[in-house]
Amino acid sequence: MEFYDAIRTRRSVRGYRSDPIPDDVLDRVLDAARLAPSGSNRQPARLILVEDEQARKRRLKTALPLPS
């Protein structure tokens, strides 16, 4: 797929399946995120992988505080 075609045909996903993501797919996604360039090579991204549903709910409450 050409880059322009990917941009032109992109879709916003509003709902997700609850199926677990296979380990090999997850490894590829995390590796792509790790290798992605960052502005001025500052590498500000933090990747947090939480597989447990209850832990995910607890973690998201504290990970993204609402702006004041």
N, C-alpha and C. Protein backbone atom coordinates (compact mmCIF):
# COMPACT_ATOMS: atom_id res chain seq x y z
N MET A 1 0.84 -1.18 0.00
CA MET A 1 0.00 0.00 0.00
C MET A 1 0.89 1.24 0.00
N GLU A 2 0.57 2.17 -0.84
CA GLU A 2 1.31 3.43 -0.90
C GLU A 2 0.93 4.30 0.29
N PHE A 3 1.84 5.18 0.66
CA PHE A 3 1.61 6.05 1.82
C PHE A 3 0.35 6.89 1.66
N TYR A 4 0.17 7.49 0.50
CA TYR A 4 -1.01 8.32 0.27
C TYR A 4 -2.29 7.50 0.40
N ASP A 5 -2.28 6.28 -0.12
CA ASP A 5 -3.46 5.41 -0.02
C ASP A 5 -3.78 5.09 1.44
N ALA A 6 -2.74 4.88 2.24
CA ALA A 6 -2.95 4.60 3.66
C ALA A 6 -3.60 5.80 4.35
N ILE A 7 -3.16 6.99 4.02
CA ILE A 7 -3.75 8.19 4.62
C ILE A 7 -5.18 8.39 4.13
N ARG A 8 -5.38 8.23 2.84
CA ARG A 8 -6.69 8.48 2.24
C ARG A 8 -7.74 7.49 2.72
N THR A 9 -7.36 6.26 2.98
CA THR A 9 -8.34 5.23 3.35
C THR A 9 -8.36 4.91 4.84
N ARG A 10 -7.72 5.71 5.64
CA ARG A 10 -7.66 5.43 7.08
C ARG A 10 -9.05 5.52 7.70
N ARG A 11 -9.23 4.81 8.80
CA ARG A 11 -10.49 4.80 9.52
C ARG A 11 -10.21 4.99 11.01
N SER A 12 -11.12 5.64 11.69
CA SER A 12 -11.03 5.79 13.14
C SER A 12 -11.81 4.66 13.80
N VAL A 13 -11.15 3.94 14.66
CA VAL A 13 -11.79 2.81 15.34
C VAL A 13 -12.42 3.32 16.63
N ARG A 14 -13.69 3.02 16.81
CA ARG A 14 -14.42 3.47 18.00
C ARG A 14 -14.72 2.33 18.97
N GLY A 15 -14.59 1.13 18.51
CA GLY A 15 -14.86 -0.03 19.36
C GLY A 15 -13.79 -1.09 19.16
N TYR A 16 -13.49 -1.82 20.20
CA TYR A 16 -12.44 -2.82 20.13
C TYR A 16 -12.97 -4.16 20.59
N ARG A 17 -12.43 -5.22 20.03
CA ARG A 17 -12.78 -6.57 20.46
C ARG A 17 -12.02 -6.89 21.74
N SER A 18 -12.55 -7.81 22.50
CA SER A 18 -11.90 -8.20 23.75
C SER A 18 -10.95 -9.38 23.55
N ASP A 19 -10.75 -9.83 22.30
CA ASP A 19 -9.85 -10.93 22.02
C ASP A 19 -8.42 -10.56 22.42
N PRO A 20 -7.68 -11.49 23.04
CA PRO A 20 -6.28 -11.18 23.35
C PRO A 20 -5.45 -11.02 22.07
N ILE A 21 -4.48 -10.16 22.12
CA ILE A 21 -3.60 -9.94 20.98
C ILE A 21 -2.50 -10.99 21.01
N PRO A 22 -2.27 -11.70 19.91
CA PRO A 22 -1.20 -12.71 19.89
C PRO A 22 0.16 -12.09 20.21
N ASP A 23 0.98 -12.83 20.92
CA ASP A 23 2.29 -12.32 21.35
C ASP A 23 3.15 -11.84 20.19
N ASP A 24 3.15 -12.55 19.06
CA ASP A 24 3.99 -12.13 17.94
C ASP A 24 3.52 -10.80 17.36
N VAL A 25 2.22 -10.57 17.32
CA VAL A 25 1.69 -9.30 16.82
C VAL A 25 2.02 -8.18 17.79
N LEU A 26 1.83 -8.45 19.07
CA LEU A 26 2.14 -7.45 20.10
C LEU A 26 3.63 -7.08 20.07
N ASP A 27 4.49 -8.07 19.90
CA ASP A 27 5.93 -7.80 19.81
C ASP A 27 6.25 -6.88 18.64
N ARG A 28 5.61 -7.12 17.48
CA ARG A 28 5.86 -6.27 16.31
C ARG A 28 5.39 -4.84 16.53
N VAL A 29 4.23 -4.68 17.15
CA VAL A 29 3.69 -3.34 17.42
C VAL A 29 4.59 -2.59 18.40
N LEU A 30 4.98 -3.26 19.48
CA LEU A 30 5.85 -2.61 20.46
C LEU A 30 7.21 -2.28 19.88
N ASP A 31 7.73 -3.15 19.04
CA ASP A 31 9.02 -2.89 18.40
C ASP A 31 8.91 -1.69 17.45
N ALA A 32 7.82 -1.59 16.70
CA ALA A 32 7.62 -0.45 15.81
C ALA A 32 7.53 0.84 16.62
N ALA A 33 6.83 0.81 17.74
CA ALA A 33 6.73 2.00 18.59
C ALA A 33 8.10 2.38 19.17
N ARG A 34 8.86 1.38 19.55
CA ARG A 34 10.20 1.63 20.11
C ARG A 34 11.13 2.25 19.08
N LEU A 35 11.00 1.83 17.83
CA LEU A 35 11.89 2.30 16.77
C LEU A 35 11.43 3.60 16.11
N ALA A 36 10.22 4.05 16.43
CA ALA A 36 9.68 5.25 15.79
C ALA A 36 10.52 6.47 16.18
N PRO A 37 10.74 7.38 15.23
CA PRO A 37 11.52 8.58 15.54
C PRO A 37 10.76 9.51 16.47
N SER A 38 11.50 10.34 17.18
CA SER A 38 10.89 11.34 18.05
C SER A 38 11.51 12.70 17.73
N GLY A 39 10.81 13.75 18.07
CA GLY A 39 11.30 15.10 17.81
C GLY A 39 12.63 15.35 18.49
N SER A 40 13.61 15.78 17.73
CA SER A 40 14.97 16.05 18.24
C SER A 40 15.57 14.86 18.96
N ASN A 41 15.07 13.68 18.65
CA ASN A 41 15.54 12.43 19.27
C ASN A 41 15.44 12.47 20.80
N ARG A 42 14.43 13.16 21.31
CA ARG A 42 14.25 13.28 22.76
C ARG A 42 13.64 12.02 23.37
N GLN A 43 12.97 11.22 22.56
CA GLN A 43 12.38 9.96 22.99
C GLN A 43 11.50 10.11 24.23
N PRO A 44 10.47 10.98 24.17
CA PRO A 44 9.64 11.23 25.34
C PRO A 44 8.57 10.17 25.60
N ALA A 45 8.40 9.22 24.71
CA ALA A 45 7.31 8.25 24.84
C ALA A 45 7.57 7.26 25.97
N ARG A 46 6.48 6.88 26.65
CA ARG A 46 6.53 5.81 27.63
C ARG A 46 5.51 4.78 27.19
N LEU A 47 5.94 3.56 27.06
CA LEU A 47 5.04 2.48 26.67
C LEU A 47 4.73 1.64 27.90
N ILE A 48 3.45 1.50 28.20
CA ILE A 48 3.03 0.71 29.35
C ILE A 48 2.11 -0.39 28.84
N LEU A 49 2.47 -1.62 29.06
CA LEU A 49 1.68 -2.76 28.63
C LEU A 49 1.04 -3.39 29.86
N VAL A 50 -0.28 -3.36 29.90
CA VAL A 50 -1.02 -3.95 31.02
C VAL A 50 -1.98 -4.97 30.43
N GLU A 51 -1.82 -6.23 30.78
CA GLU A 51 -2.66 -7.28 30.23
C GLU A 51 -3.83 -7.65 31.12
N ASP A 52 -3.76 -7.37 32.41
CA ASP A 52 -4.83 -7.69 33.34
C ASP A 52 -5.89 -6.59 33.32
N GLU A 53 -7.16 -6.94 33.14
CA GLU A 53 -8.24 -5.98 33.01
C GLU A 53 -8.38 -5.08 34.24
N GLN A 54 -8.35 -5.67 35.42
CA GLN A 54 -8.49 -4.87 36.65
C GLN A 54 -7.29 -3.93 36.84
N ALA A 55 -6.11 -4.43 36.56
CA ALA A 55 -4.92 -3.58 36.66
C ALA A 55 -4.98 -2.45 35.63
N ARG A 56 -5.50 -2.73 34.45
CA ARG A 56 -5.62 -1.70 33.42
C ARG A 56 -6.54 -0.58 33.88
N LYS A 57 -7.66 -0.94 34.47
CA LYS A 57 -8.59 0.08 34.96
C LYS A 57 -7.96 0.93 36.07
N ARG A 58 -7.25 0.28 36.98
CA ARG A 58 -6.57 1.03 38.06
C ARG A 58 -5.48 1.92 37.49
N ARG A 59 -4.71 1.38 36.54
CA ARG A 59 -3.57 2.11 35.98
C ARG A 59 -4.01 3.33 35.19
N LEU A 60 -5.07 3.21 34.41
CA LEU A 60 -5.53 4.33 33.59
C LEU A 60 -6.07 5.47 34.43
N LYS A 61 -6.59 5.17 35.61
CA LYS A 61 -7.08 6.23 36.49
C LYS A 61 -5.95 7.14 36.96
N THR A 62 -4.76 6.57 37.15
CA THR A 62 -3.64 7.36 37.66
C THR A 62 -2.66 7.79 36.58
N ALA A 63 -2.68 7.11 35.43
CA ALA A 63 -1.70 7.40 34.39
C ALA A 63 -1.99 8.70 33.64
N LEU A 64 -3.25 9.03 33.49
CA LEU A 64 -3.62 10.20 32.70
C LEU A 64 -4.47 11.15 33.53
N PRO A 65 -3.84 11.94 34.41
CA PRO A 65 -4.64 12.86 35.23
C PRO A 65 -5.30 13.92 34.34
N LEU A 66 -6.50 14.30 34.74
CA LEU A 66 -7.23 15.33 33.99
C LEU A 66 -6.58 16.69 34.19
N PRO A 67 -6.53 17.51 33.12
CA PRO A 67 -5.94 18.85 33.27
C PRO A 67 -6.76 19.70 34.22
N SER A 68 -6.09 20.60 34.91
CA SER A 68 -6.76 21.49 35.87
C SER A 68 -7.51 22.60 35.18
